[in-house]
Amino acid sequence: MTDGLILPPGAGRPVGNSGMTLKLGEETSGLWSVFETVVQPGFDVGAHFHHEAEELFYILDGELDLLAFNPSVRTEGDWQAWESASGDKVARGTTGSLMHVPAGCAHAFANPGTTPARMLFLVAPAGHENYLRELADLLAAGGPPDPSAISELRARHDIHQLTPLRGGGGPGGPRP
């Protein structure tokens, strides 16, 4: 039998300057990775999907636009106007809102407001922190990041980008 883990407020490992703090990852759990994330105004992760990963987003503070469906028509560039075959549209999530994303489902989040939002972000299976660390390394190399290196990294980690990321490479600050 193994012991559990208790983290006090503010504890965890920062993921570069992304505004994300790893709370639990594959070193502790093979089932999921858990992050506390600050999402800056104007950040848009861009619509994407994963063949294998399942995700859960819980808004702790603030507002985020949320997408969790495959669109009936996928337009280039902007997921905000997408609609599902059953009529679902992008939702405005506020404090206490939860978004579950099964594997294969297109999803995105963006902060349309003027103040940062905070969310708890879970990914199953564990290991998403490896992608984030590798991305931070690419971005810290100096100069503009190599788009082909970022595309290769995303493909290797089962991240299939459908619309562009805007406002940076991570929720916490300007990156590609």
Protein backbone atom coordinates (compact mmCIF):
# COMPACT_ATOMS: atom_id res chain seq x y z
CA MET A 1 0.00 0.00 0.00
CA THR A 2 1.20 3.51 -0.78
CA ASP A 3 0.48 6.83 0.89
CA GLY A 4 -1.51 9.62 -0.69
CA LEU A 5 -0.42 13.17 -1.40
CA ILE A 6 -1.52 16.39 0.29
CA LEU A 7 -0.39 19.70 -1.18
CA PRO A 8 -0.88 23.02 0.60
CA PRO A 9 -2.15 26.05 -1.35
CA GLY A 10 0.46 27.33 -3.80
CA ALA A 11 2.44 24.08 -3.81
CA GLY A 12 3.42 22.27 -6.97
CA ARG A 13 5.99 22.63 -9.73
CA PRO A 14 5.76 25.62 -12.11
CA VAL A 15 5.78 24.65 -15.79
CA GLY A 16 8.17 27.23 -17.24
CA ASN A 17 6.53 30.66 -17.44
CA SER A 18 3.27 29.22 -18.74
CA GLY A 19 1.15 30.17 -15.74
CA MET A 20 0.64 26.46 -15.07
CA THR A 21 1.59 24.65 -11.88
CA LEU A 22 1.87 20.86 -11.96
CA LYS A 23 0.07 19.52 -8.91
CA LEU A 24 0.18 15.82 -9.77
CA GLY A 25 1.77 13.98 -12.66
CA GLU A 26 3.07 10.67 -13.87
CA GLU A 27 5.73 10.56 -11.13
CA THR A 28 2.89 10.10 -8.64
CA SER A 29 -0.02 8.79 -10.73
CA GLY A 30 -0.22 6.84 -13.95
CA LEU A 31 -3.87 7.83 -14.29
CA TRP A 32 -3.80 11.62 -14.63
CA SER A 33 -1.88 14.85 -14.55
CA VAL A 34 -3.37 17.80 -12.66
CA PHE A 35 -2.50 21.46 -13.18
CA GLU A 36 -3.61 24.74 -11.66
CA THR A 37 -3.60 27.24 -14.51
CA VAL A 38 -3.81 31.00 -14.79
CA VAL A 39 -5.29 31.98 -18.16
CA GLN A 40 -4.38 35.54 -19.15
CA PRO A 41 -6.80 37.85 -21.00
CA GLY A 42 -6.68 37.29 -24.76
CA PHE A 43 -5.21 33.78 -24.53
CA ASP A 44 -6.87 31.22 -26.85
CA VAL A 45 -5.47 27.68 -26.80
CA GLY A 46 -6.98 27.05 -30.25
CA ALA A 47 -9.29 24.16 -31.05
CA HIS A 48 -7.58 20.78 -31.00
CA PHE A 49 -8.23 17.15 -30.12
CA HIS A 50 -6.43 14.08 -28.78
CA HIS A 51 -6.97 10.52 -29.98
CA GLU A 52 -6.16 9.06 -26.54
CA ALA A 53 -6.31 11.73 -23.82
CA GLU A 54 -9.39 12.70 -21.86
CA GLU A 55 -9.51 16.12 -20.16
CA LEU A 56 -11.44 17.97 -17.52
CA PHE A 57 -11.45 21.74 -16.92
CA TYR A 58 -12.90 23.34 -13.78
CA ILE A 59 -13.03 27.15 -13.58
CA LEU A 60 -11.90 28.33 -10.15
CA ASP A 61 -12.13 32.08 -10.83
CA GLY A 62 -13.12 34.21 -13.79
CA GLU A 63 -14.67 33.43 -17.16
CA LEU A 64 -13.59 31.36 -20.14
CA ASP A 65 -15.19 30.58 -23.48
CA LEU A 66 -15.43 26.79 -23.76
CA LEU A 67 -15.79 24.41 -26.70
CA ALA A 68 -16.35 20.67 -26.21
CA PHE A 69 -17.93 19.24 -29.38
CA ASN A 70 -17.05 18.30 -32.91
CA PRO A 71 -18.46 20.95 -35.25
CA SER A 72 -20.84 20.17 -38.08
CA VAL A 73 -18.76 22.54 -40.24
CA ARG A 74 -15.18 23.30 -39.28
CA THR A 75 -14.19 26.77 -40.40
CA GLU A 76 -10.55 27.76 -40.51
CA GLY A 77 -9.13 30.10 -37.94
CA ASP A 78 -11.94 30.71 -35.45
CA TRP A 79 -13.69 28.06 -33.37
CA GLN A 80 -15.87 30.62 -31.57
CA ALA A 81 -18.61 30.39 -34.23
CA TRP A 82 -18.64 26.59 -34.48
CA GLU A 83 -21.86 24.66 -33.91
CA SER A 84 -22.43 20.94 -33.43
CA ALA A 85 -24.81 18.88 -35.53
CA SER A 86 -27.23 18.95 -32.57
CA GLY A 87 -27.02 22.75 -32.21
CA ASP A 88 -24.50 23.04 -29.37
CA LYS A 89 -22.53 26.29 -29.40
CA VAL A 90 -19.53 27.68 -27.55
CA ALA A 91 -20.42 28.33 -23.90
CA ARG A 92 -19.27 31.05 -21.51
CA GLY A 93 -18.04 29.27 -18.40
CA THR A 94 -17.88 31.11 -15.09
CA THR A 95 -16.58 30.24 -11.63
CA GLY A 96 -17.68 26.70 -10.83
CA SER A 97 -18.21 25.63 -14.47
CA LEU A 98 -16.84 22.26 -15.52
CA MET A 99 -15.99 21.02 -19.02
CA HIS A 100 -15.33 17.32 -19.71
CA VAL A 101 -13.66 16.38 -23.00
CA PRO A 102 -13.63 12.72 -24.08
CA ALA A 103 -10.88 11.45 -26.38
CA GLY A 104 -11.49 12.44 -30.00
CA CYS A 105 -13.63 15.48 -29.14
CA ALA A 106 -12.61 18.90 -30.45
CA HIS A 107 -12.14 21.37 -27.61
CA ALA A 108 -10.76 24.79 -26.79
CA PHE A 109 -10.78 27.50 -24.16
CA ALA A 110 -10.12 31.22 -24.36
CA ASN A 111 -10.16 34.13 -21.96
CA PRO A 112 -12.23 36.88 -23.62
CA GLY A 113 -12.17 39.12 -20.55
CA THR A 114 -9.84 41.74 -19.13
CA THR A 115 -8.76 39.85 -16.01
CA PRO A 116 -6.96 36.52 -15.57
CA ALA A 117 -9.01 33.38 -15.01
CA ARG A 118 -7.90 30.38 -12.95
CA MET A 119 -8.76 26.78 -13.65
CA LEU A 120 -7.97 23.28 -12.52
CA PHE A 121 -6.99 21.16 -15.53
CA LEU A 122 -6.84 17.33 -15.46
CA VAL A 123 -5.51 15.10 -18.25
CA ALA A 124 -5.77 11.31 -18.37
CA PRO A 125 -3.59 9.40 -18.81
CA ALA A 126 -0.76 11.10 -16.92
CA GLY A 127 2.19 12.58 -18.76
CA HIS A 128 0.90 15.84 -20.29
CA GLU A 129 3.53 17.63 -18.20
CA ASN A 130 6.19 16.11 -20.49
CA TYR A 131 4.69 17.89 -23.50
CA LEU A 132 4.54 21.16 -21.57
CA ARG A 133 8.17 20.85 -20.41
CA GLU A 134 9.37 20.09 -23.95
CA LEU A 135 7.39 23.04 -25.29
CA ALA A 136 8.92 25.31 -22.61
CA ASP A 137 12.40 24.11 -23.68
CA LEU A 138 11.66 24.91 -27.34
CA LEU A 139 10.42 28.37 -26.40
CA ALA A 140 13.36 29.09 -24.11
CA ALA A 141 15.90 28.38 -26.87
CA GLY A 142 15.91 32.07 -27.90
CA GLY A 143 14.67 33.64 -31.09
CA PRO A 144 11.42 32.75 -32.79
CA PRO A 145 10.41 29.14 -32.18
CA ASP A 146 10.62 26.72 -35.06
CA PRO A 147 7.01 25.99 -36.17
CA SER A 148 7.99 22.58 -37.54
CA ALA A 149 9.56 21.61 -34.21
CA ILE A 150 6.39 22.64 -32.38
CA SER A 151 4.23 20.72 -34.89
CA GLU A 152 6.40 17.62 -34.46
CA LEU A 153 6.22 17.94 -30.67
CA ARG A 154 2.43 18.23 -30.73
CA ALA A 155 2.06 15.24 -33.07
CA ARG A 156 4.33 13.15 -30.82
CA HIS A 157 2.14 14.00 -27.83
CA ASP A 158 -1.24 13.37 -29.55
CA ILE A 159 -2.16 17.05 -29.91
CA HIS A 160 -3.89 17.71 -33.23
CA GLN A 161 -4.32 21.48 -33.66
CA LEU A 162 -7.41 22.56 -35.64
CA THR A 163 -7.26 26.35 -35.24
CA PRO A 164 -4.32 28.56 -34.29
CA LEU A 165 -3.25 29.22 -30.76
CA ARG A 166 -3.52 32.97 -30.04
CA GLY A 167 -1.99 35.14 -27.40
CA GLY A 168 0.88 32.84 -26.62
CA GLY A 169 2.05 29.24 -26.27
CA GLY A 170 0.75 28.84 -22.73
CA PRO A 171 -2.10 30.25 -20.71
CA GLY A 172 0.21 32.39 -18.59
CA GLY A 173 1.95 34.62 -21.07
CA PRO A 174 2.93 35.48 -24.60
CA ARG A 175 4.38 32.52 -26.46
CA PRO A 176 3.72 30.99 -29.90
